[in-house]
PDB file of N, CA and C in Angstrom:
ATOM      1  N   MET A   1       0.788  -1.356   0.239  1.00  0.00           N
ATOM      2  CA  MET A   1       0.071   0.078  -0.389  1.00  0.00           C
ATOM      3  C   MET A   1       0.331   1.196  -0.551  1.00  0.00           C
ATOM      4  N   VAL A   2       0.898   1.976  -0.718  1.00  0.00           N
ATOM      5  CA  VAL A   2       1.529   3.121  -0.775  1.00  0.00           C
ATOM      6  C   VAL A   2       0.427   4.686  -0.261  1.00  0.00           C
ATOM      7  N   SER A   3       0.955   4.811   0.868  1.00  0.00           N
ATOM      8  CA  SER A   3       0.282   5.509   1.722  1.00  0.00           C
ATOM      9  C   SER A   3       1.040   6.230   2.311  1.00  0.00           C
ATOM     10  N   ALA A   4       0.982   7.709   2.937  1.00  0.00           N
ATOM     11  CA  ALA A   4       1.242   7.954   4.302  1.00  0.00           C
ATOM     12  C   ALA A   4       0.808   7.988   5.820  1.00  0.00           C
ATOM     13  N   THR A   5      -0.544   6.883   5.572  1.00  0.00           N
ATOM     14  CA  THR A   5      -1.588   6.571   6.367  1.00  0.00           C
ATOM     15  C   THR A   5      -1.506   5.337   6.876  1.00  0.00           C
ATOM     16  N   HIS A   6      -1.253   4.911   7.616  1.00  0.00           N
ATOM     17  CA  HIS A   6      -1.698   3.374   7.724  1.00  0.00           C
ATOM     18  C   HIS A   6      -3.116   3.376   8.905  1.00  0.00           C
ATOM     19  N   ASP A   7      -3.203   4.409   9.637  1.00  0.00           N
ATOM     20  CA  ASP A   7      -4.733   3.663  10.693  1.00  0.00           C
ATOM     21  C   ASP A   7      -6.110   3.162   9.800  1.00  0.00           C
ATOM     22  N   ARG A   8      -6.618   2.680  10.693  1.00  0.00           N
ATOM     23  CA  ARG A   8      -7.271   1.633  10.763  1.00  0.00           C
ATOM     24  C   ARG A   8      -8.518   1.648   9.164  1.00  0.00           C
ATOM     25  N   GLU A   9      -8.671   2.833   9.240  1.00  0.00           N
ATOM     26  CA  GLU A   9      -9.710   3.353   8.438  1.00  0.00           C
ATOM     27  C   GLU A   9      -9.229   3.685   7.080  1.00  0.00           C
ATOM     28  N   THR A  10      -7.639   3.877   7.057  1.00  0.00           N
ATOM     29  CA  THR A  10      -7.302   4.165   5.559  1.00  0.00           C
ATOM     30  C   THR A  10      -6.856   2.798   5.263  1.00  0.00           C
ATOM     31  N   VAL A  11      -6.643   1.876   5.985  1.00  0.00           N
ATOM     32  CA  VAL A  11      -6.551   0.566   5.735  1.00  0.00           C
ATOM     33  C   VAL A  11      -7.665  -0.102   4.863  1.00  0.00           C
ATOM     34  N   THR A  12      -8.531  -0.367   5.629  1.00  0.00           N
ATOM     35  CA  THR A  12      -9.644  -0.613   5.869  1.00  0.00           C
ATOM     36  C   THR A  12     -10.399  -0.476   4.557  1.00  0.00           C
ATOM     37  N   GLU A  13     -10.206   0.869   4.029  1.00  0.00           N
ATOM     38  CA  GLU A  13     -10.607   1.587   2.988  1.00  0.00           C
ATOM     39  C   GLU A  13      -9.713   0.610   1.438  1.00  0.00           C
ATOM     40  N   TRP A  14      -8.682   1.103   1.901  1.00  0.00           N
ATOM     41  CA  TRP A  14      -7.451   0.366   0.659  1.00  0.00           C
ATOM     42  C   TRP A  14      -7.836  -1.061   0.095  1.00  0.00           C
ATOM     43  N   LEU A  15      -8.079  -1.900   1.361  1.00  0.00           N
ATOM     44  CA  LEU A  15      -8.574  -3.254   1.658  1.00  0.00           C
ATOM     45  C   LEU A  15      -9.592  -3.264   0.764  1.00  0.00           C
ATOM     46  N   LYS A  16     -10.504  -2.988   1.000  1.00  0.00           N
ATOM     47  CA  LYS A  16     -12.282  -2.759   0.366  1.00  0.00           C
ATOM     48  C   LYS A  16     -12.072  -2.374  -1.722  1.00  0.00           C
ATOM     49  N   CYS A  17     -10.913  -1.360  -1.360  1.00  0.00           N
ATOM     50  CA  CYS A  17     -10.718  -0.834  -3.262  1.00  0.00           C
ATOM     51  C   CYS A  17     -10.175  -2.236  -3.739  1.00  0.00           C
ATOM     52  N   LEU A  18      -9.300  -3.090  -3.079  1.00  0.00           N
ATOM     53  CA  LEU A  18      -8.615  -4.165  -4.065  1.00  0.00           C
ATOM     54  C   LEU A  18      -9.860  -5.287  -3.847  1.00  0.00           C
ATOM     55  N   LYS A  19     -10.632  -5.334  -2.984  1.00  0.00           N
ATOM     56  CA  LYS A  19     -11.559  -6.570  -3.349  1.00  0.00           C
ATOM     57  C   LYS A  19     -12.254  -5.918  -4.257  1.00  0.00           C
ATOM     58  N   ASP A  20     -13.019  -5.031  -3.950  1.00  0.00           N
ATOM     59  CA  ASP A  20     -13.778  -4.858  -5.316  1.00  0.00           C
ATOM     60  C   ASP A  20     -13.467  -4.376  -6.592  1.00  0.00           C
ATOM     61  N   LEU A  21     -12.166  -4.533  -6.993  1.00  0.00           N
ATOM     62  CA  LEU A  21     -10.796  -4.762  -8.337  1.00  0.00           C
ATOM     63  C   LEU A  21     -11.257  -5.946  -8.508  1.00  0.00           C
ATOM     64  N   ILE A  22     -10.924  -6.747  -7.702  1.00  0.00           N
ATOM     65  CA  ILE A  22     -10.903  -8.312  -7.959  1.00  0.00           C
ATOM     66  C   ILE A  22     -12.574  -8.962  -8.287  1.00  0.00           C
ATOM     67  N   ILE A  23     -13.228  -8.609  -7.811  1.00  0.00           N
ATOM     68  CA  ILE A  23     -14.662  -9.155  -7.664  1.00  0.00           C
ATOM     69  C   ILE A  23     -14.798  -8.252  -8.824  1.00  0.00           C
ATOM     70  N   ALA A  24     -15.055  -6.850  -9.329  1.00  0.00           N
ATOM     71  CA  ALA A  24     -15.436  -6.420 -11.058  1.00  0.00           C
ATOM     72  C   ALA A  24     -14.614  -7.170 -11.863  1.00  0.00           C
ATOM     73  N   LYS A  25     -13.400  -7.751 -11.824  1.00  0.00           N
ATOM     74  CA  LYS A  25     -12.565  -9.128 -12.430  1.00  0.00           C
ATOM     75  C   LYS A  25     -13.715 -10.311 -12.497  1.00  0.00           C
ATOM     76  N   ASP A  26     -13.786 -10.563 -11.506  1.00  0.00           N
ATOM     77  CA  ASP A  26     -14.752 -12.492 -11.844  1.00  0.00           C
ATOM     78  C   ASP A  26     -14.792 -12.279 -10.036  1.00  0.00           C
ATOM     79  N   PRO A  27     -15.812 -12.441 -10.120  1.00  0.00           N
ATOM     80  CA  PRO A  27     -16.803 -12.612  -8.435  1.00  0.00           C
ATOM     81  C   PRO A  27     -16.544 -13.808  -8.119  1.00  0.00           C
ATOM     82  N   SER A  28     -16.327 -14.634  -8.944  1.00  0.00           N
ATOM     83  CA  SER A  28     -16.223 -16.661  -8.051  1.00  0.00           C
ATOM     84  C   SER A  28     -14.973 -16.535  -7.991  1.00  0.00           C
ATOM     85  N   ILE A  29     -13.357 -15.665  -8.143  1.00  0.00           N
ATOM     86  CA  ILE A  29     -12.522 -16.330  -7.653  1.00  0.00           C
ATOM     87  C   ILE A  29     -11.895 -14.616  -6.351  1.00  0.00           C
ATOM     88  N   TRP A  30     -13.113 -14.622  -5.659  1.00  0.00           N
ATOM     89  CA  TRP A  30     -12.956 -14.011  -4.344  1.00  0.00           C
ATOM     90  C   TRP A  30     -13.780 -15.147  -3.598  1.00  0.00           C
ATOM     91  N   PRO A  31     -12.252 -15.137  -2.224  1.00  0.00           N
ATOM     92  CA  PRO A  31     -11.277 -14.678  -2.431  1.00  0.00           C
ATOM     93  C   PRO A  31     -10.019 -15.287  -2.870  1.00  0.00           C
ATOM     94  N   PRO A  32      -8.967 -14.685  -3.300  1.00  0.00           N
ATOM     95  CA  PRO A  32      -8.257 -14.998  -4.096  1.00  0.00           C
ATOM     96  C   PRO A  32      -7.028 -16.051  -3.320  1.00  0.00           C
ATOM     97  N   PHE A  33      -7.088 -15.993  -1.964  1.00  0.00           N
ATOM     98  CA  PHE A  33      -6.404 -16.367  -0.975  1.00  0.00           C
ATOM     99  C   PHE A  33      -7.439 -16.464   0.313  1.00  0.00           C
ATOM    100  N   LYS A  34      -7.020 -17.522   0.724  1.00  0.00           N
ATOM    101  CA  LYS A  34      -7.257 -18.154   1.584  1.00  0.00           C
ATOM    102  C   LYS A  34      -6.991 -17.284   3.205  1.00  0.00           C
ATOM    103  N   ASN A  35      -5.762 -17.308   3.235  1.00  0.00           N
ATOM    104  CA  ASN A  35      -5.366 -16.542   4.949  1.00  0.00           C
ATOM    105  C   ASN A  35      -4.291 -15.693   4.518  1.00  0.00           C
ATOM    106  N   VAL A  36      -4.254 -14.308   5.098  1.00  0.00           N
ATOM    107  CA  VAL A  36      -3.761 -13.700   5.150  1.00  0.00           C
ATOM    108  C   VAL A  36      -2.353 -14.112   6.773  1.00  0.00           C
ATOM    109  N   VAL A  37      -0.983 -13.518   6.237  1.00  0.00           N
ATOM    110  CA  VAL A  37      -0.014 -13.496   7.728  1.00  0.00           C
ATOM    111  C   VAL A  37       0.440 -12.033   7.477  1.00  0.00           C
ATOM    112  N   THR A  38       0.451 -11.494   8.861  1.00  0.00           N
ATOM    113  CA  THR A  38       0.613 -10.605   8.918  1.00  0.00           C
ATOM    114  C   THR A  38       1.667  -9.966  10.479  1.00  0.00           C
ATOM    115  N   ASP A  39       2.209  -9.246  10.527  1.00  0.00           N
ATOM    116  CA  ASP A  39       2.403  -8.802  12.063  1.00  0.00           C
ATOM    117  C   ASP A  39       1.505  -8.567  13.056  1.00  0.00           C
ATOM    118  N   PHE A  40       1.548  -7.578  13.875  1.00  0.00           N
ATOM    119  CA  PHE A  40       0.641  -7.266  15.431  1.00  0.00           C
ATOM    120  C   PHE A  40       0.423  -6.169  15.114  1.00  0.00           C
ATOM    121  N   SER A  41       0.146  -5.408  13.318  1.00  0.00           N
ATOM    122  CA  SER A  41      -0.517  -4.172  13.070  1.00  0.00           C
ATOM    123  C   SER A  41      -1.871  -4.314  13.258  1.00  0.00           C
ATOM    124  N   TRP A  42      -1.925  -3.956  14.530  1.00  0.00           N
ATOM    125  CA  TRP A  42      -3.798  -3.589  14.808  1.00  0.00           C
ATOM    126  C   TRP A  42      -4.932  -3.056  13.139  1.00  0.00           C
ATOM    127  N   ALA A  43      -3.987  -2.521  12.584  1.00  0.00           N
ATOM    128  CA  ALA A  43      -4.830  -1.660  11.841  1.00  0.00           C
ATOM    129  C   ALA A  43      -4.767  -2.152  10.764  1.00  0.00           C
ATOM    130  N   PHE A  44      -4.140  -3.353  10.503  1.00  0.00           N
ATOM    131  CA  PHE A  44      -4.150  -4.551   8.998  1.00  0.00           C
ATOM    132  C   PHE A  44      -4.948  -5.537   9.658  1.00  0.00           C
ATOM    133  N   MET A  45      -4.764  -6.092  11.055  1.00  0.00           N
ATOM    134  CA  MET A  45      -5.786  -6.787  11.025  1.00  0.00           C
ATOM    135  C   MET A  45      -7.324  -6.360  11.872  1.00  0.00           C
ATOM    136  N   HIS A  46      -7.434  -4.962  12.015  1.00  0.00           N
ATOM    137  CA  HIS A  46      -8.652  -5.002  11.831  1.00  0.00           C
ATOM    138  C   HIS A  46      -9.714  -4.517  10.107  1.00  0.00           C
ATOM    139  N   GLY A  47      -9.055  -4.276   9.143  1.00  0.00           N
ATOM    140  CA  GLY A  47      -8.879  -4.003   7.848  1.00  0.00           C
ATOM    141  C   GLY A  47      -9.278  -4.940   7.343  1.00  0.00           C
ATOM    142  N   ILE A  48      -8.753  -6.129   7.742  1.00  0.00           N
ATOM    143  CA  ILE A  48      -9.161  -7.756   7.136  1.00  0.00           C
ATOM    144  C   ILE A  48     -10.545  -8.126   7.332  1.00  0.00           C
ATOM    145  N   SER A  49     -10.428  -7.798   8.417  1.00  0.00           N
ATOM    146  CA  SER A  49     -11.934  -8.194   9.011  1.00  0.00           C
ATOM    147  C   SER A  49     -12.581  -7.371   9.039  1.00  0.00           C
ATOM    148  N   LYS A  50     -12.487  -6.305   8.868  1.00  0.00           N
ATOM    149  CA  LYS A  50     -13.811  -5.235   8.332  1.00  0.00           C
ATOM    150  C   LYS A  50     -13.976  -5.718   6.694  1.00  0.00           C
ATOM    151  N   ALA A  51     -12.993  -5.490   5.928  1.00  0.00           N
ATOM    152  CA  ALA A  51     -13.007  -5.152   3.999  1.00  0.00           C
ATOM    153  C   ALA A  51     -13.362  -6.619   4.151  1.00  0.00           C
ATOM    154  N   TRP A  52     -12.510  -7.771   4.309  1.00  0.00           N
ATOM    155  CA  TRP A  52     -12.354  -8.608   3.307  1.00  0.00           C
ATOM    156  C   TRP A  52     -13.854  -9.874   4.479  1.00  0.00           C
ATOM    157  N   ASN A  53     -14.058  -9.618   5.017  1.00  0.00           N
ATOM    158  CA  ASN A  53     -14.723 -10.710   6.187  1.00  0.00           C
ATOM    159  C   ASN A  53     -16.130 -10.084   6.532  1.00  0.00           C
ATOM    160  N   GLY A  54     -16.530  -8.840   6.618  1.00  0.00           N
ATOM    161  CA  GLY A  54     -17.531  -8.338   7.023  1.00  0.00           C
ATOM    162  C   GLY A  54     -17.815  -8.149   8.054  1.00  0.00           C
ATOM    163  N   LYS A  55     -16.137  -7.614   9.384  1.00  0.00           N
ATOM    164  CA  LYS A  55     -16.682  -8.104  10.751  1.00  0.00           C
ATOM    165  C   LYS A  55     -16.283  -6.579  10.976  1.00  0.00           C
ATOM    166  N   GLU A  56     -16.911  -5.751  11.681  1.00  0.00           N
ATOM    167  CA  GLU A  56     -16.828  -4.564  12.262  1.00  0.00           C
ATOM    168  C   GLU A  56     -15.524  -3.996  13.337  1.00  0.00           C
ATOM    169  N   THR A  57     -15.240  -4.799  13.677  1.00  0.00           N
ATOM    170  CA  THR A  57     -14.298  -5.088  14.535  1.00  0.00           C
ATOM    171  C   THR A  57     -13.059  -6.592  14.618  1.00  0.00           C
ATOM    172  N   ILE A  58     -11.338  -6.593  15.043  1.00  0.00           N
ATOM    173  CA  ILE A  58     -10.830  -7.584  15.036  1.00  0.00           C
ATOM    174  C   ILE A  58     -11.523  -8.639  16.266  1.00  0.00           C
ATOM    175  N   PHE A  59     -12.267  -7.993  17.392  1.00  0.00           N
ATOM    176  CA  PHE A  59     -13.278  -8.575  18.013  1.00  0.00           C
ATOM    177  C   PHE A  59     -14.145  -9.813  18.041  1.00  0.00           C
ATOM    178  N   GLU A  60     -14.870  -8.820  16.985  1.00  0.00           N
ATOM    179  CA  GLU A  60     -16.030 -10.067  16.413  1.00  0.00           C
ATOM    180  C   GLU A  60     -15.120 -10.507  15.169  1.00  0.00           C
ATOM    181  N   TYR A  61     -14.216 -10.209  14.803  1.00  0.00           N
ATOM    182  CA  TYR A  61     -13.470 -11.600  13.990  1.00  0.00           C
ATOM    183  C   TYR A  61     -12.955 -13.003  15.345  1.00  0.00           C
ATOM    184  N   LEU A  62     -12.479 -12.834  16.149  1.00  0.00           N
ATOM    185  CA  LEU A  62     -12.010 -13.368  17.393  1.00  0.00           C
ATOM    186  C   LEU A  62     -12.820 -14.527  17.228  1.00  0.00           C
ATOM    187  N   ASP A  63     -14.467 -13.671  17.573  1.00  0.00           N
ATOM    188  CA  ASP A  63     -15.478 -14.100  18.890  1.00  0.00           C
ATOM    189  C   ASP A  63     -15.936 -14.866  17.578  1.00  0.00           C
ATOM    190  N   MET A  64     -15.780 -14.680  16.297  1.00  0.00           N
ATOM    191  CA  MET A  64     -16.479 -16.161  15.347  1.00  0.00           C
ATOM    192  C   MET A  64     -15.634 -17.069  14.761  1.00  0.00           C
ATOM    193  N   CYS A  65     -14.057 -16.997  15.599  1.00  0.00           N
ATOM    194  CA  CYS A  65     -12.796 -17.842  15.313  1.00  0.00           C
ATOM    195  C   CYS A  65     -13.304 -18.906  16.998  1.00  0.00           C
ATOM    196  N   HIS A  66     -13.646 -18.294  17.578  1.00  0.00           N
ATOM    197  CA  HIS A  66     -13.860 -19.346  18.869  1.00  0.00           C
ATOM    198  C   HIS A  66     -15.231 -20.148  18.461  1.00  0.00           C
ATOM    199  N   ARG A  67     -16.159 -19.650  18.319  1.00  0.00           N
ATOM    200  CA  ARG A  67     -17.197 -20.448  17.566  1.00  0.00           C
ATOM    201  C   ARG A  67     -17.556 -21.611  16.413  1.00  0.00           C
ATOM    202  N   ILE A  68     -15.770 -21.771  15.775  1.00  0.00           N
ATOM    203  CA  ILE A  68     -15.551 -21.854  14.823  1.00  0.00           C
ATOM    204  C   ILE A  68     -14.759 -23.407  15.888  1.00  0.00           C
ATOM    205  N   LEU A  69     -14.313 -22.832  16.368  1.00  0.00           N
ATOM    206  CA  LEU A  69     -13.090 -23.791  17.554  1.00  0.00           C
ATOM    207  C   LEU A  69     -13.986 -24.448  18.081  1.00  0.00           C
ATOM    208  N   THR A  70     -15.276 -24.165  18.888  1.00  0.00           N
ATOM    209  CA  THR A  70     -16.027 -24.876  19.599  1.00  0.00           C
ATOM    210  C   THR A  70     -17.229 -25.950  18.907  1.00  0.00           C
ATOM    211  N   GLY A  71     -17.087 -25.764  17.874  1.00  0.00           N
ATOM    212  CA  GLY A  71     -18.321 -26.442  16.872  1.00  0.00           C
ATOM    213  C   GLY A  71     -19.839 -25.825  16.863  1.00  0.00           C
ATOM    214  N   ARG A  72     -19.795 -24.769  16.823  1.00  0.00           N
ATOM    215  CA  ARG A  72     -21.195 -24.000  17.490  1.00  0.00           C
ATOM    216  C   ARG A  72     -20.847 -22.740  15.724  1.00  0.00           C
ATOM    217  N   GLU A  73     -20.391 -23.051  14.486  1.00  0.00           N
ATOM    218  CA  GLU A  73     -20.017 -22.433  13.187  1.00  0.00           C
ATOM    219  C   GLU A  73     -19.013 -23.478  12.644  1.00  0.00           C
ATOM    220  N   THR A  74     -19.244 -23.232  11.382  1.00  0.00           N
ATOM    221  CA  THR A  74     -18.118 -23.392  10.337  1.00  0.00           C
ATOM    222  C   THR A  74     -18.161 -22.250   9.848  1.00  0.00           C
ATOM    223  N   LEU A  75     -16.700 -22.781   9.161  1.00  0.00           N
ATOM    224  CA  LEU A  75     -16.125 -21.703   8.354  1.00  0.00           C
ATOM    225  C   LEU A  75     -16.362 -21.470   7.419  1.00  0.00           C
ATOM    226  N   SER A  76     -16.674 -20.224   6.733  1.00  0.00           N
ATOM    227  CA  SER A  76     -17.013 -19.851   5.158  1.00  0.00           C
ATOM    228  C   SER A  76     -16.357 -20.014   4.293  1.00  0.00           C
ATOM    229  N   SER A  77     -16.543 -20.373   3.016  1.00  0.00           N
ATOM    230  CA  SER A  77     -15.630 -20.102   1.993  1.00  0.00           C
ATOM    231  C   SER A  77     -15.065 -19.256   1.426  1.00  0.00           C
ATOM    232  N   SER A  78     -15.647 -17.997   2.049  1.00  0.00           N
ATOM    233  CA  SER A  78     -15.137 -16.327   1.806  1.00  0.00           C
ATOM    234  C   SER A  78     -14.972 -16.326   3.271  1.00  0.00           C
ATOM    235  N   THR A  79     -14.057 -16.505   4.174  1.00  0.00           N
ATOM    236  CA  THR A  79     -13.454 -16.309   4.844  1.00  0.00           C
ATOM    237  C   THR A  79     -11.828 -16.031   4.607  1.00  0.00           C
ATOM    238  N   VAL A  80     -11.527 -15.246   4.916  1.00  0.00           N
ATOM    239  CA  VAL A  80      -9.800 -14.771   4.281  1.00  0.00           C
ATOM    240  C   VAL A  80      -9.147 -15.047   6.868  1.00  0.00           C
ATOM    241  N   VAL A  81      -8.305 -16.032   6.460  1.00  0.00           N
ATOM    242  CA  VAL A  81      -8.217 -16.322   7.851  1.00  0.00           C
ATOM    243  C   VAL A  81      -6.965 -15.325   8.182  1.00  0.00           C
ATOM    244  N   ILE A  82      -7.192 -14.571   9.200  1.00  0.00           N
ATOM    245  CA  ILE A  82      -6.158 -13.738   9.391  1.00  0.00           C
ATOM    246  C   ILE A  82      -4.441 -15.052  10.593  1.00  0.00           C
ATOM    247  N   THR A  83      -3.830 -14.942  10.136  1.00  0.00           N
ATOM    248  CA  THR A  83      -2.006 -15.604  10.931  1.00  0.00           C
ATOM    249  C   THR A  83      -1.829 -14.535  11.447  1.00  0.00           C
ATOM    250  N   SER A  84      -1.066 -14.588  12.345  1.00  0.00           N
ATOM    251  CA  SER A  84      -0.005 -13.723  12.877  1.00  0.00           C
ATOM    252  C   SER A  84       1.020 -14.353  12.627  1.00  0.00           C
ATOM    253  N   CYS A  85       2.623 -13.747  12.545  1.00  0.00           N
ATOM    254  CA  CYS A  85       3.557 -14.384  11.922  1.00  0.00           C
ATOM    255  C   CYS A  85       4.131 -14.291  13.179  1.00  0.00           C
ATOM    256  N   THR A  86       4.722 -15.826  12.606  1.00  0.00           N
ATOM    257  CA  THR A  86       5.771 -16.419  14.479  1.00  0.00           C
ATOM    258  C   THR A  86       7.058 -16.081  14.587  1.00  0.00           C
ATOM    259  N   ASN A  87       7.294 -15.297  13.837  1.00  0.00           N
ATOM    260  CA  ASN A  87       8.396 -14.694  14.187  1.00  0.00           C
ATOM    261  C   ASN A  87       8.373 -13.649  14.654  1.00  0.00           C
ATOM    262  N   HIS A  88       7.501 -13.175  14.035  1.00  0.00           N
ATOM    263  CA  HIS A  88       7.013 -11.690  15.366  1.00  0.00           C
ATOM    264  C   HIS A  88       6.883 -11.592  16.882  1.00  0.00           C
ATOM    265  N   TYR A  89       5.602 -12.688  16.675  1.00  0.00           N
ATOM    266  CA  TYR A  89       5.806 -12.977  17.893  1.00  0.00           C
ATOM    267  C   TYR A  89       7.042 -13.562  19.219  1.00  0.00           C
ATOM    268  N   VAL A  90       7.415 -14.431  18.289  1.00  0.00           N
ATOM    269  CA  VAL A  90       8.488 -14.947  18.931  1.00  0.00           C
ATOM    270  C   VAL A  90       9.550 -13.747  19.684  1.00  0.00           C
ATOM    271  N   LYS A  91      10.117 -12.578  18.623  1.00  0.00           N
ATOM    272  CA  LYS A  91      11.106 -11.762  18.822  1.00  0.00           C
ATOM    273  C   LYS A  91      10.119 -11.242  20.097  1.00  0.00           C
ATOM    274  N   ASN A  92       8.438 -11.033  20.225  1.00  0.00           N
ATOM    275  CA  ASN A  92       8.170 -10.036  20.843  1.00  0.00           C
ATOM    276  C   ASN A  92       8.052 -10.680  22.302  1.00  0.00           C
ATOM    277  N   ILE A  93       8.550 -12.236  22.937  1.00  0.00           N
ATOM    278  CA  ILE A  93       8.801 -12.564  23.505  1.00  0.00           C
ATOM    279  C   ILE A  93       9.920 -12.511  24.265  1.00  0.00           C
ATOM    280  N   LEU A  94      10.746 -12.976  23.129  1.00  0.00           N
ATOM    281  CA  LEU A  94      12.348 -12.833  23.348  1.00  0.00           C
ATOM    282  C   LEU A  94      12.329 -11.186  24.009  1.00  0.00           C
ATOM    283  N   ASN A  95      12.100 -10.408  23.877  1.00  0.00           N
ATOM    284  CA  ASN A  95      12.409  -9.225  24.049  1.00  0.00           C
ATOM    285  C   ASN A  95      11.666  -8.557  25.866  1.00  0.00           C
ATOM    286  N   HIS A  96      10.763  -9.638  25.552  1.00  0.00           N
ATOM    287  CA  HIS A  96      10.342  -9.242  27.140  1.00  0.00           C
ATOM    288  C   HIS A  96      11.411 -10.171  27.966  1.00  0.00           C
ATOM    289  N   VAL A  97      11.036 -11.306  27.264  1.00  0.00           N
ATOM    290  CA  VAL A  97      12.382 -12.316  28.465  1.00  0.00           C
ATOM    291  C   VAL A  97      13.691 -11.381  28.905  1.00  0.00           C
ATOM    292  N   LYS A  98      14.407 -10.386  28.001  1.00  0.00           N
ATOM    293  CA  LYS A  98      15.652 -10.035  27.952  1.00  0.00           C
ATOM    294  C   LYS A  98      15.366  -8.594  29.068  1.00  0.00           C
ATOM    295  N   ARG A  99      14.137  -7.900  28.694  1.00  0.00           N
ATOM    296  CA  ARG A  99      14.049  -6.955  29.450  1.00  0.00           C
ATOM    297  C   ARG A  99      13.307  -7.804  31.227  1.00  0.00           C
ATOM    298  N   TYR A 100      13.070  -8.569  31.508  1.00  0.00           N
ATOM    299  CA  TYR A 100      12.796  -8.949  32.722  1.00  0.00           C
ATOM    300  C   TYR A 100      13.894  -9.548  33.925  1.00  0.00           C
ATOM    301  N   TYR A 101      14.849 -10.437  32.600  1.00  0.00           N
ATOM    302  CA  TYR A 101      16.054 -10.945  33.081  1.00  0.00           C
ATOM    303  C   TYR A 101      16.767 -10.833  32.969  1.00  0.00           C
ATOM    304  N   PRO A 102      17.709  -9.055  32.694  1.00  0.00           N
ATOM    305  CA  PRO A 102      18.511  -7.499  32.125  1.00  0.00           C
ATOM    306  C   PRO A 102      20.093  -8.985  32.240  1.00  0.00           C
ATOM    307  N   ASP A 103      19.727  -9.358  33.913  1.00  0.00           N
ATOM    308  CA  ASP A 103      21.279  -9.259  34.254  1.00  0.00           C
ATOM    309  C   ASP A 103      21.572 -11.386  34.408  1.00  0.00           C
ATOM    310  N   ASP A 104      20.418 -11.854  34.125  1.00  0.00           N
ATOM    311  CA  ASP A 104      20.990 -12.559  34.276  1.00  0.00           C
ATOM    312  C   ASP A 104      20.570 -14.247  32.536  1.00  0.00           C
ATOM    313  N   GLU A 105      21.868 -14.138  32.028  1.00  0.00           N
ATOM    314  CA  GLU A 105      21.896 -14.611  30.622  1.00  0.00           C
ATOM    315  C   GLU A 105      21.866 -15.933  30.881  1.00  0.00           C
ATOM    316  N   LYS A 106      21.799 -16.768  31.661  1.00  0.00           N
ATOM    317  CA  LYS A 106      21.090 -18.506  31.518  1.00  0.00           C
ATOM    318  C   LYS A 106      20.018 -18.751  31.563  1.00  0.00           C
ATOM    319  N   THR A 107      19.422 -18.245  32.759  1.00  0.00           N
ATOM    320  CA  THR A 107      17.961 -18.055  32.383  1.00  0.00           C
ATOM    321  C   THR A 107      16.633 -17.589  31.210  1.00  0.00           C
ATOM    322  N   ALA A 108      17.779 -15.892  30.553  1.00  0.00           N
ATOM    323  CA  ALA A 108      16.706 -15.647  29.443  1.00  0.00           C
ATOM    324  C   ALA A 108      17.319 -16.862  28.419  1.00  0.00           C
ATOM    325  N   PHE A 109      18.445 -17.263  28.054  1.00  0.00           N
ATOM    326  CA  PHE A 109      18.663 -18.702  27.300  1.00  0.00           C
ATOM    327  C   PHE A 109      18.023 -19.140  27.465  1.00  0.00           C
ATOM    328  N   TYR A 110      18.113 -20.260  28.462  1.00  0.00           N
ATOM    329  CA  TYR A 110      17.046 -21.243  29.238  1.00  0.00           C
ATOM    330  C   TYR A 110      15.381 -20.683  28.508  1.00  0.00           C
ATOM    331  N   ILE A 111      14.834 -19.987  28.978  1.00  0.00           N
ATOM    332  CA  ILE A 111      13.878 -19.362  28.511  1.00  0.00           C
ATOM    333  C   ILE A 111      13.277 -19.206  26.473  1.00  0.00           C
ATOM    334  N   ALA A 112      14.371 -18.713  25.974  1.00  0.00           N
ATOM    335  CA  ALA A 112      14.689 -18.570  24.750  1.00  0.00           C
ATOM    336  C   ALA A 112      14.703 -19.713  24.117  1.00  0.00           C
ATOM    337  N   ARG A 113      15.390 -20.608  24.486  1.00  0.00           N
ATOM    338  CA  ARG A 113      15.561 -21.991  23.681  1.00  0.00           C
ATOM    339  C   ARG A 113      13.820 -22.762  24.235  1.00  0.00           C
ATOM    340  N   CYS A 114      13.153 -22.817  24.787  1.00  0.00           N
ATOM    341  CA  CYS A 114      12.210 -23.170  25.391  1.00  0.00           C
ATOM    342  C   CYS A 114      10.923 -22.858  24.246  1.00  0.00           C
ATOM    343  N   VAL A 115      10.929 -21.224  24.212  1.00  0.00           N
ATOM    344  CA  VAL A 115       9.999 -20.504  23.093  1.00  0.00           C
ATOM    345  C   VAL A 115      10.697 -21.194  21.917  1.00  0.00           C
ATOM    346  N   GLY A 116      11.385 -21.161  21.399  1.00  0.00           N
ATOM    347  CA  GLY A 116      11.764 -21.847  20.255  1.00  0.00           C
ATOM    348  C   GLY A 116      10.922 -22.805  20.003  1.00  0.00           C
ATOM    349  N   LEU A 117      11.228 -24.080  21.366  1.00  0.00           N
ATOM    350  CA  LEU A 117      10.574 -24.955  20.395  1.00  0.00           C
ATOM    351  C   LEU A 117       9.498 -24.973  20.284  1.00  0.00           C
ATOM    352  N   VAL A 118       8.226 -24.106  21.040  1.00  0.00           N
ATOM    353  CA  VAL A 118       7.125 -24.424  20.593  1.00  0.00           C
ATOM    354  C   VAL A 118       7.392 -24.092  19.843  1.00  0.00           C
ATOM    355  N   PHE A 119       7.599 -23.274  19.325  1.00  0.00           N
ATOM    356  CA  PHE A 119       7.431 -22.533  17.839  1.00  0.00           C
ATOM    357  C   PHE A 119       8.006 -23.956  16.280  1.00  0.00           C
TER     358      PHE A 119
END
């Protein structure tokens, strides 16, 4: 996206325009992908939720995910799944570990390796 503004409204509008462009060419190909991987940008996650999944907020999207995971709802073929980038997630965890154990390299190293095993 080429813009100096990266707030939720701008991102949502840009994503709506992209969806409209794709649908105008061939409505049968929407969505052209089933999954979007993003960092922890709330603007982007909210934008995808609203523009592509018809949810007003990421929280509404998360409620839908919970209903799907608990078997109360099925995943629609038009839903674009939002996935958080694992590398960004691990980086955030490691930054917290370094902050909580600034003088204890052995503990920080051990926790970092444990986190690495999970991912």
